[in-house]
Amino acid sequence: MWLNYSRAATARDMRIAKLAGFNFARVFLNVAVWEAQPKEFLADVAHFISTAHGDDVLVLLLLLLLLLLLVLMLLLLLLLLLLTPSLQRTA
């Protein structure tokens, strides 16, 4: 989405979302796109938020890199719990 961002498509999609009763959008931000074109990326994100706000749609921005790190940390914790008997509850 961010590599080929279209302001017209975003405006259209936000109008459709509002008409359909949506009031929330979860948006994943890609670090690779920001690294490749930081100024355009920030301008596009600002436009997206502004357009969504104009149609009463709240925006939650998620950074893919941080989300991936969180998932990896949770998997590591689960692995530690499974492999370490002393950390498990005794019944």
PDB file of N, CA and C in Angstrom:
ATOM      1  N   MET A   1       0.822  -1.191   0.000  1.00  0.00           N
ATOM      2  CA  MET A   1       0.000   0.000   0.000  1.00  0.00           C
ATOM      3  C   MET A   1       0.864   1.252   0.000  1.00  0.00           C
ATOM      4  N   TRP A   2       1.909   1.267   0.834  1.00  0.00           N
ATOM      5  CA  TRP A   2       2.674   2.506   0.986  1.00  0.00           C
ATOM      6  C   TRP A   2       3.596   2.786  -0.197  1.00  0.00           C
ATOM      7  N   LEU A   3       4.040   1.764  -0.909  1.00  0.00           N
ATOM      8  CA  LEU A   3       4.897   2.006  -2.075  1.00  0.00           C
ATOM      9  C   LEU A   3       4.134   2.668  -3.212  1.00  0.00           C
ATOM     10  N   ASN A   4       2.871   2.310  -3.355  1.00  0.00           N
ATOM     11  CA  ASN A   4       2.042   2.855  -4.434  1.00  0.00           C
ATOM     12  C   ASN A   4       0.851   3.607  -3.867  1.00  0.00           C
ATOM     13  N   TYR A   5       1.099   4.456  -2.874  1.00  0.00           N
ATOM     14  CA  TYR A   5       0.026   5.157  -2.178  1.00  0.00           C
ATOM     15  C   TYR A   5      -0.738   6.068  -3.131  1.00  0.00           C
ATOM     16  N   SER A   6      -2.056   5.987  -3.054  1.00  0.00           N
ATOM     17  CA  SER A   6      -2.918   6.827  -3.886  1.00  0.00           C
ATOM     18  C   SER A   6      -3.833   7.642  -2.990  1.00  0.00           C
ATOM     19  N   ARG A   7      -3.701   8.949  -3.062  1.00  0.00           N
ATOM     20  CA  ARG A   7      -4.554   9.824  -2.255  1.00  0.00           C
ATOM     21  C   ARG A   7      -6.016   9.688  -2.666  1.00  0.00           C
ATOM     22  N   ALA A   8      -6.275   9.552  -3.941  1.00  0.00           N
ATOM     23  CA  ALA A   8      -7.661   9.409  -4.416  1.00  0.00           C
ATOM     24  C   ALA A   8      -8.276   8.106  -3.908  1.00  0.00           C
ATOM     25  N   ALA A   9      -7.504   7.021  -3.975  1.00  0.00           N
ATOM     26  CA  ALA A   9      -8.011   5.733  -3.501  1.00  0.00           C
ATOM     27  C   ALA A   9      -8.254   5.770  -1.998  1.00  0.00           C
ATOM     28  N   THR A  10      -7.380   6.440  -1.257  1.00  0.00           N
ATOM     29  CA  THR A  10      -7.556   6.551   0.191  1.00  0.00           C
ATOM     30  C   THR A  10      -8.817   7.333   0.518  1.00  0.00           C
ATOM     31  N   ALA A  11      -9.038   8.449  -0.160  1.00  0.00           N
ATOM     32  CA  ALA A  11     -10.243   9.250   0.073  1.00  0.00           C
ATOM     33  C   ALA A  11     -11.499   8.424  -0.244  1.00  0.00           C
ATOM     34  N   ARG A  12     -11.467   7.699  -1.345  1.00  0.00           N
ATOM     35  CA  ARG A  12     -12.598   6.848  -1.719  1.00  0.00           C
ATOM     36  C   ARG A  12     -12.836   5.762  -0.675  1.00  0.00           C
ATOM     37  N   ASP A  13     -11.776   5.105  -0.260  1.00  0.00           N
ATOM     38  CA  ASP A  13     -11.899   4.012   0.711  1.00  0.00           C
ATOM     39  C   ASP A  13     -12.389   4.496   2.067  1.00  0.00           C
ATOM     40  N   MET A  14     -11.964   5.686   2.484  1.00  0.00           N
ATOM     41  CA  MET A  14     -12.432   6.224   3.764  1.00  0.00           C
ATOM     42  C   MET A  14     -13.915   6.588   3.706  1.00  0.00           C
ATOM     43  N   ARG A  15     -14.371   7.113   2.566  1.00  0.00           N
ATOM     44  CA  ARG A  15     -15.814   7.395   2.411  1.00  0.00           C
ATOM     45  C   ARG A  15     -16.617   6.100   2.484  1.00  0.00           C
ATOM     46  N   ILE A  16     -16.115   5.060   1.816  1.00  0.00           N
ATOM     47  CA  ILE A  16     -16.796   3.753   1.847  1.00  0.00           C
ATOM     48  C   ILE A  16     -16.801   3.198   3.266  1.00  0.00           C
ATOM     49  N   ALA A  17     -15.683   3.311   3.965  1.00  0.00           N
ATOM     50  CA  ALA A  17     -15.599   2.818   5.343  1.00  0.00           C
ATOM     51  C   ALA A  17     -16.608   3.525   6.233  1.00  0.00           C
ATOM     52  N   LYS A  18     -16.706   4.838   6.087  1.00  0.00           N
ATOM     53  CA  LYS A  18     -17.667   5.605   6.887  1.00  0.00           C
ATOM     54  C   LYS A  18     -19.099   5.182   6.574  1.00  0.00           C
ATOM     55  N   LEU A  19     -19.421   5.050   5.296  1.00  0.00           N
ATOM     56  CA  LEU A  19     -20.775   4.638   4.897  1.00  0.00           C
ATOM     57  C   LEU A  19     -21.109   3.233   5.386  1.00  0.00           C
ATOM     58  N   ALA A  20     -20.094   2.373   5.473  1.00  0.00           N
ATOM     59  CA  ALA A  20     -20.300   1.002   5.933  1.00  0.00           C
ATOM     60  C   ALA A  20     -20.368   0.912   7.458  1.00  0.00           C
ATOM     61  N   GLY A  21     -20.095   2.018   8.141  1.00  0.00           N
ATOM     62  CA  GLY A  21     -20.186   2.029   9.596  1.00  0.00           C
ATOM     63  C   GLY A  21     -18.880   1.781  10.319  1.00  0.00           C
ATOM     64  N   PHE A  22     -17.785   1.722   9.591  1.00  0.00           N
ATOM     65  CA  PHE A  22     -16.487   1.533  10.238  1.00  0.00           C
ATOM     66  C   PHE A  22     -16.045   2.842  10.885  1.00  0.00           C
ATOM     67  N   ASN A  23     -15.418   2.735  12.052  1.00  0.00           N
ATOM     68  CA  ASN A  23     -14.914   3.944  12.700  1.00  0.00           C
ATOM     69  C   ASN A  23     -13.472   3.764  13.177  1.00  0.00           C
ATOM     70  N   PHE A  24     -12.809   2.722  12.691  1.00  0.00           N
ATOM     71  CA  PHE A  24     -11.468   2.399  13.161  1.00  0.00           C
ATOM     72  C   PHE A  24     -10.680   1.738  12.039  1.00  0.00           C
ATOM     73  N   ALA A  25      -9.417   2.119  11.900  1.00  0.00           N
ATOM     74  CA  ALA A  25      -8.538   1.491  10.900  1.00  0.00           C
ATOM     75  C   ALA A  25      -7.202   1.170  11.553  1.00  0.00           C
ATOM     76  N   ARG A  26      -6.801  -0.084  11.449  1.00  0.00           N
ATOM     77  CA  ARG A  26      -5.482  -0.504  11.925  1.00  0.00           C
ATOM     78  C   ARG A  26      -4.564  -0.516  10.713  1.00  0.00           C
ATOM     79  N   VAL A  27      -3.473   0.235  10.791  1.00  0.00           N
ATOM     80  CA  VAL A  27      -2.594   0.427   9.637  1.00  0.00           C
ATOM     81  C   VAL A  27      -1.184  -0.035   9.997  1.00  0.00           C
ATOM     82  N   PHE A  28      -0.646  -0.917   9.192  1.00  0.00           N
ATOM     83  CA  PHE A  28       0.711  -1.418   9.400  1.00  0.00           C
ATOM     84  C   PHE A  28       1.689  -0.562   8.607  1.00  0.00           C
ATOM     85  N   LEU A  29       2.684  -0.032   9.303  1.00  0.00           N
ATOM     86  CA  LEU A  29       3.713   0.789   8.669  1.00  0.00           C
ATOM     87  C   LEU A  29       4.930  -0.085   8.391  1.00  0.00           C
ATOM     88  N   ASN A  30       5.521   0.096   7.236  1.00  0.00           N
ATOM     89  CA  ASN A  30       6.642  -0.725   6.826  1.00  0.00           C
ATOM     90  C   ASN A  30       7.927   0.095   6.874  1.00  0.00           C
ATOM     91  N   VAL A  31       8.880  -0.356   7.675  1.00  0.00           N
ATOM     92  CA  VAL A  31      10.144   0.351   7.838  1.00  0.00           C
ATOM     93  C   VAL A  31      10.904   0.436   6.513  1.00  0.00           C
ATOM     94  N   ALA A  32      10.828  -0.591   5.700  1.00  0.00           N
ATOM     95  CA  ALA A  32      11.555  -0.606   4.421  1.00  0.00           C
ATOM     96  C   ALA A  32      11.098   0.526   3.507  1.00  0.00           C
ATOM     97  N   VAL A  33       9.812   0.816   3.512  1.00  0.00           N
ATOM     98  CA  VAL A  33       9.304   1.915   2.679  1.00  0.00           C
ATOM     99  C   VAL A  33       9.791   3.248   3.221  1.00  0.00           C
ATOM    100  N   TRP A  34       9.771   3.387   4.551  1.00  0.00           N
ATOM    101  CA  TRP A  34      10.264   4.621   5.160  1.00  0.00           C
ATOM    102  C   TRP A  34      11.741   4.835   4.830  1.00  0.00           C
ATOM    103  N   GLU A  35      12.536   3.762   4.880  1.00  0.00           N
ATOM    104  CA  GLU A  35      13.957   3.888   4.560  1.00  0.00           C
ATOM    105  C   GLU A  35      14.179   4.270   3.101  1.00  0.00           C
ATOM    106  N   ALA A  36      13.338   3.768   2.213  1.00  0.00           N
ATOM    107  CA  ALA A  36      13.502   4.028   0.782  1.00  0.00           C
ATOM    108  C   ALA A  36      13.069   5.444   0.402  1.00  0.00           C
ATOM    109  N   GLN A  37      12.015   5.929   1.012  1.00  0.00           N
ATOM    110  CA  GLN A  37      11.494   7.252   0.660  1.00  0.00           C
ATOM    111  C   GLN A  37      10.868   7.929   1.886  1.00  0.00           C
ATOM    112  N   PRO A  38      11.696   8.385   2.822  1.00  0.00           N
ATOM    113  CA  PRO A  38      11.195   8.889   4.105  1.00  0.00           C
ATOM    114  C   PRO A  38      10.244  10.085   4.006  1.00  0.00           C
ATOM    115  N   LYS A  39      10.561  11.068   3.170  1.00  0.00           N
ATOM    116  CA  LYS A  39       9.695  12.255   3.080  1.00  0.00           C
ATOM    117  C   LYS A  39       8.332  11.904   2.508  1.00  0.00           C
ATOM    118  N   GLU A  40       8.318  11.139   1.422  1.00  0.00           N
ATOM    119  CA  GLU A  40       7.051  10.751   0.798  1.00  0.00           C
ATOM    120  C   GLU A  40       6.230   9.872   1.735  1.00  0.00           C
ATOM    121  N   PHE A  41       6.922   8.961   2.430  1.00  0.00           N
ATOM    122  CA  PHE A  41       6.246   8.056   3.346  1.00  0.00           C
ATOM    123  C   PHE A  41       5.536   8.836   4.454  1.00  0.00           C
ATOM    124  N   LEU A  42       6.241   9.771   5.085  1.00  0.00           N
ATOM    125  CA  LEU A  42       5.641  10.562   6.152  1.00  0.00           C
ATOM    126  C   LEU A  42       4.493  11.420   5.643  1.00  0.00           C
ATOM    127  N   ALA A  43       4.645  11.973   4.443  1.00  0.00           N
ATOM    128  CA  ALA A  43       3.562  12.767   3.856  1.00  0.00           C
ATOM    129  C   ALA A  43       2.338  11.888   3.582  1.00  0.00           C
ATOM    130  N   ASP A  44       2.565  10.672   3.096  1.00  0.00           N
ATOM    131  CA  ASP A  44       1.460   9.752   2.819  1.00  0.00           C
ATOM    132  C   ASP A  44       0.754   9.321   4.106  1.00  0.00           C
ATOM    133  N   VAL A  45       1.529   9.042   5.150  1.00  0.00           N
ATOM    134  CA  VAL A  45       0.930   8.658   6.430  1.00  0.00           C
ATOM    135  C   VAL A  45       0.112   9.825   6.985  1.00  0.00           C
ATOM    136  N   ALA A  46       0.656  11.037   6.909  1.00  0.00           N
ATOM    137  CA  ALA A  46      -0.076  12.221   7.378  1.00  0.00           C
ATOM    138  C   ALA A  46      -1.373  12.398   6.594  1.00  0.00           C
ATOM    139  N   HIS A  47      -1.317  12.194   5.279  1.00  0.00           N
ATOM    140  CA  HIS A  47      -2.523  12.306   4.457  1.00  0.00           C
ATOM    141  C   HIS A  47      -3.542  11.251   4.851  1.00  0.00           C
ATOM    142  N   PHE A  48      -3.083  10.023   5.072  1.00  0.00           N
ATOM    143  CA  PHE A  48      -3.981   8.941   5.457  1.00  0.00           C
ATOM    144  C   PHE A  48      -4.709   9.286   6.758  1.00  0.00           C
ATOM    145  N   ILE A  49      -3.951   9.741   7.753  1.00  0.00           N
ATOM    146  CA  ILE A  49      -4.542  10.079   9.052  1.00  0.00           C
ATOM    147  C   ILE A  49      -5.527  11.238   8.905  1.00  0.00           C
ATOM    148  N   SER A  50      -5.141  12.250   8.160  1.00  0.00           N
ATOM    149  CA  SER A  50      -6.007  13.413   7.949  1.00  0.00           C
ATOM    150  C   SER A  50      -7.301  13.027   7.229  1.00  0.00           C
ATOM    151  N   THR A  51      -7.175  12.209   6.209  1.00  0.00           N
ATOM    152  CA  THR A  51      -8.354  11.769   5.450  1.00  0.00           C
ATOM    153  C   THR A  51      -9.267  10.916   6.328  1.00  0.00           C
ATOM    154  N   ALA A  52      -8.678  10.009   7.084  1.00  0.00           N
ATOM    155  CA  ALA A  52      -9.471   9.170   7.978  1.00  0.00           C
ATOM    156  C   ALA A  52     -10.186  10.031   9.016  1.00  0.00           C
ATOM    157  N   HIS A  53      -9.479  10.989   9.592  1.00  0.00           N
ATOM    158  CA  HIS A  53     -10.064  11.875  10.595  1.00  0.00           C
ATOM    159  C   HIS A  53     -11.245  12.646  10.011  1.00  0.00           C
ATOM    160  N   GLY A  54     -11.105  13.088   8.772  1.00  0.00           N
ATOM    161  CA  GLY A  54     -12.188  13.811   8.102  1.00  0.00           C
ATOM    162  C   GLY A  54     -13.445  12.973   7.931  1.00  0.00           C
ATOM    163  N   ASP A  55     -13.279  11.650   7.877  1.00  0.00           N
ATOM    164  CA  ASP A  55     -14.423  10.745   7.748  1.00  0.00           C
ATOM    165  C   ASP A  55     -14.751  10.046   9.073  1.00  0.00           C
ATOM    166  N   ASP A  56     -14.262  10.626  10.181  1.00  0.00           N
ATOM    167  CA  ASP A  56     -14.542  10.097  11.529  1.00  0.00           C
ATOM    168  C   ASP A  56     -14.052   8.664  11.721  1.00  0.00           C
ATOM    169  N   VAL A  57     -12.926   8.340  11.117  1.00  0.00           N
ATOM    170  CA  VAL A  57     -12.323   7.019  11.280  1.00  0.00           C
ATOM    171  C   VAL A  57     -11.042   7.191  12.094  1.00  0.00           C
ATOM    172  N   LEU A  58     -10.963   6.506  13.233  1.00  0.00           N
ATOM    173  CA  LEU A  58      -9.765   6.552  14.060  1.00  0.00           C
ATOM    174  C   LEU A  58      -8.695   5.650  13.455  1.00  0.00           C
ATOM    175  N   VAL A  59      -7.428   6.000  13.663  1.00  0.00           N
ATOM    176  CA  VAL A  59      -6.322   5.251  13.058  1.00  0.00           C
ATOM    177  C   VAL A  59      -5.374   4.759  14.149  1.00  0.00           C
ATOM    178  N   LEU A  60      -5.050   3.470  14.086  1.00  0.00           N
ATOM    179  CA  LEU A  60      -4.030   2.885  14.950  1.00  0.00           C
ATOM    180  C   LEU A  60      -2.863   2.491  14.053  1.00  0.00           C
ATOM    181  N   LEU A  61      -1.716   3.126  14.263  1.00  0.00           N
ATOM    182  CA  LEU A  61      -0.539   2.834  13.453  1.00  0.00           C
ATOM    183  C   LEU A  61       0.304   1.769  14.140  1.00  0.00           C
ATOM    184  N   LEU A  62       0.675   0.751  13.403  1.00  0.00           N
ATOM    185  CA  LEU A  62       1.505  -0.333  13.934  1.00  0.00           C
ATOM    186  C   LEU A  62       2.784  -0.426  13.116  1.00  0.00           C
ATOM    187  N   LEU A  63       3.881  -0.481  13.791  1.00  0.00           N
ATOM    188  CA  LEU A  63       5.165  -0.600  13.129  1.00  0.00           C
ATOM    189  C   LEU A  63       5.492  -2.078  12.993  1.00  0.00           C
ATOM    190  N   LEU A  64       5.622  -2.578  11.783  1.00  0.00           N
ATOM    191  CA  LEU A  64       5.824  -4.009  11.545  1.00  0.00           C
ATOM    192  C   LEU A  64       7.057  -4.547  12.247  1.00  0.00           C
ATOM    193  N   LEU A  65       8.105  -3.795  12.299  1.00  0.00           N
ATOM    194  CA  LEU A  65       9.330  -4.265  12.931  1.00  0.00           C
ATOM    195  C   LEU A  65       9.098  -4.519  14.418  1.00  0.00           C
ATOM    196  N   LEU A  66       8.428  -3.599  15.096  1.00  0.00           N
ATOM    197  CA  LEU A  66       8.159  -3.775  16.520  1.00  0.00           C
ATOM    198  C   LEU A  66       7.207  -4.938  16.763  1.00  0.00           C
ATOM    199  N   LEU A  67       6.238  -5.091  15.903  1.00  0.00           N
ATOM    200  CA  LEU A  67       5.291  -6.194  16.040  1.00  0.00           C
ATOM    201  C   LEU A  67       6.019  -7.529  15.886  1.00  0.00           C
ATOM    202  N   LEU A  68       6.908  -7.617  14.939  1.00  0.00           N
ATOM    203  CA  LEU A  68       7.683  -8.837  14.735  1.00  0.00           C
ATOM    204  C   LEU A  68       8.547  -9.142  15.956  1.00  0.00           C
ATOM    205  N   LEU A  69       9.187  -8.133  16.517  1.00  0.00           N
ATOM    206  CA  LEU A  69      10.002  -8.342  17.712  1.00  0.00           C
ATOM    207  C   LEU A  69       9.157  -8.821  18.885  1.00  0.00           C
ATOM    208  N   LEU A  70       7.979  -8.276  19.044  1.00  0.00           N
ATOM    209  CA  LEU A  70       7.092  -8.702  20.120  1.00  0.00           C
ATOM    210  C   LEU A  70       6.703 -10.163  19.959  1.00  0.00           C
ATOM    211  N   VAL A  71       6.357 -10.575  18.763  1.00  0.00           N
ATOM    212  CA  VAL A  71       5.986 -11.970  18.506  1.00  0.00           C
ATOM    213  C   VAL A  71       7.173 -12.888  18.794  1.00  0.00           C
ATOM    214  N   LEU A  72       8.363 -12.501  18.361  1.00  0.00           N
ATOM    215  CA  LEU A  72       9.542 -13.316  18.620  1.00  0.00           C
ATOM    216  C   LEU A  72       9.829 -13.439  20.116  1.00  0.00           C
ATOM    217  N   MET A  73       9.638 -12.366  20.853  1.00  0.00           N
ATOM    218  CA  MET A  73       9.849 -12.407  22.299  1.00  0.00           C
ATOM    219  C   MET A  73       8.841 -13.334  22.969  1.00  0.00           C
ATOM    220  N   LEU A  74       7.600 -13.291  22.543  1.00  0.00           N
ATOM    221  CA  LEU A  74       6.579 -14.170  23.115  1.00  0.00           C
ATOM    222  C   LEU A  74       6.864 -15.636  22.799  1.00  0.00           C
ATOM    223  N   LEU A  75       7.326 -15.913  21.594  1.00  0.00           N
ATOM    224  CA  LEU A  75       7.682 -17.281  21.232  1.00  0.00           C
ATOM    225  C   LEU A  75       8.862 -17.782  22.051  1.00  0.00           C
ATOM    226  N   LEU A  76       9.839 -16.926  22.281  1.00  0.00           N
ATOM    227  CA  LEU A  76      10.989 -17.304  23.106  1.00  0.00           C
ATOM    228  C   LEU A  76      10.556 -17.593  24.541  1.00  0.00           C
ATOM    229  N   LEU A  77       9.681 -16.774  25.077  1.00  0.00           N
ATOM    230  CA  LEU A  77       9.176 -17.007  26.430  1.00  0.00           C
ATOM    231  C   LEU A  77       8.429 -18.331  26.514  1.00  0.00           C
ATOM    232  N   LEU A  78       7.600 -18.609  25.527  1.00  0.00           N
ATOM    233  CA  LEU A  78       6.868 -19.871  25.498  1.00  0.00           C
ATOM    234  C   LEU A  78       7.826 -21.051  25.421  1.00  0.00           C
ATOM    235  N   LEU A  79       8.833 -20.948  24.605  1.00  0.00           N
ATOM    236  CA  LEU A  79       9.833 -22.004  24.487  1.00  0.00           C
ATOM    237  C   LEU A  79      10.558 -22.234  25.810  1.00  0.00           C
ATOM    238  N   LEU A  80      10.921 -21.159  26.480  1.00  0.00           N
ATOM    239  CA  LEU A  80      11.573 -21.284  27.784  1.00  0.00           C
ATOM    240  C   LEU A  80      10.669 -21.968  28.799  1.00  0.00           C
ATOM    241  N   LEU A  81       9.402 -21.630  28.786  1.00  0.00           N
ATOM    242  CA  LEU A  81       8.463 -22.246  29.717  1.00  0.00           C
ATOM    243  C   LEU A  81       8.281 -23.734  29.433  1.00  0.00           C
ATOM    244  N   LEU A  82       8.296 -24.087  28.176  1.00  0.00           N
ATOM    245  CA  LEU A  82       8.119 -25.497  27.813  1.00  0.00           C
ATOM    246  C   LEU A  82       9.364 -26.337  28.108  1.00  0.00           C
ATOM    247  N   LEU A  83      10.531 -25.735  27.994  1.00  0.00           N
ATOM    248  CA  LEU A  83      11.775 -26.483  28.150  1.00  0.00           C
ATOM    249  C   LEU A  83      12.341 -26.445  29.568  1.00  0.00           C
ATOM    250  N   THR A  84      11.805 -25.612  30.421  1.00  0.00           N
ATOM    251  CA  THR A  84      12.326 -25.488  31.771  1.00  0.00           C
ATOM    252  C   THR A  84      11.292 -25.987  32.770  1.00  0.00           C
ATOM    253  N   PRO A  85      11.441 -27.226  33.234  1.00  0.00           N
ATOM    254  CA  PRO A  85      10.462 -27.805  34.163  1.00  0.00           C
ATOM    255  C   PRO A  85      10.356 -27.038  35.476  1.00  0.00           C
ATOM    256  N   SER A  86      11.434 -26.428  35.924  1.00  0.00           N
ATOM    257  CA  SER A  86      11.389 -25.735  37.210  1.00  0.00           C
ATOM    258  C   SER A  86      10.502 -24.485  37.171  1.00  0.00           C
ATOM    259  N   LEU A  87      10.248 -23.964  35.983  1.00  0.00           N
ATOM    260  CA  LEU A  87       9.381 -22.795  35.868  1.00  0.00           C
ATOM    261  C   LEU A  87       7.902 -23.173  35.780  1.00  0.00           C
ATOM    262  N   GLN A  88       7.632 -24.434  35.531  1.00  0.00           N
ATOM    263  CA  GLN A  88       6.227 -24.877  35.418  1.00  0.00           C
ATOM    264  C   GLN A  88       5.634 -25.081  36.785  1.00  0.00           C
ATOM    265  N   ARG A  89       4.340 -24.906  36.877  1.00  0.00           N
ATOM    266  CA  ARG A  89       3.631 -25.130  38.144  1.00  0.00           C
ATOM    267  C   ARG A  89       3.641 -26.602  38.501  1.00  0.00           C
ATOM    268  N   THR A  90       3.711 -26.862  39.766  1.00  0.00           N
ATOM    269  CA  THR A  90       3.585 -28.238  40.235  1.00  0.00           C
ATOM    270  C   THR A  90       2.225 -28.402  40.877  1.00  0.00           C
ATOM    271  N   ALA A  91       1.550 -29.478  40.530  1.00  0.00           N
ATOM    272  CA  ALA A  91       0.195 -29.690  41.050  1.00  0.00           C
ATOM    273  C   ALA A  91       0.188 -30.619  42.235  1.00  0.00           C
TER     274      ALA A  91
END
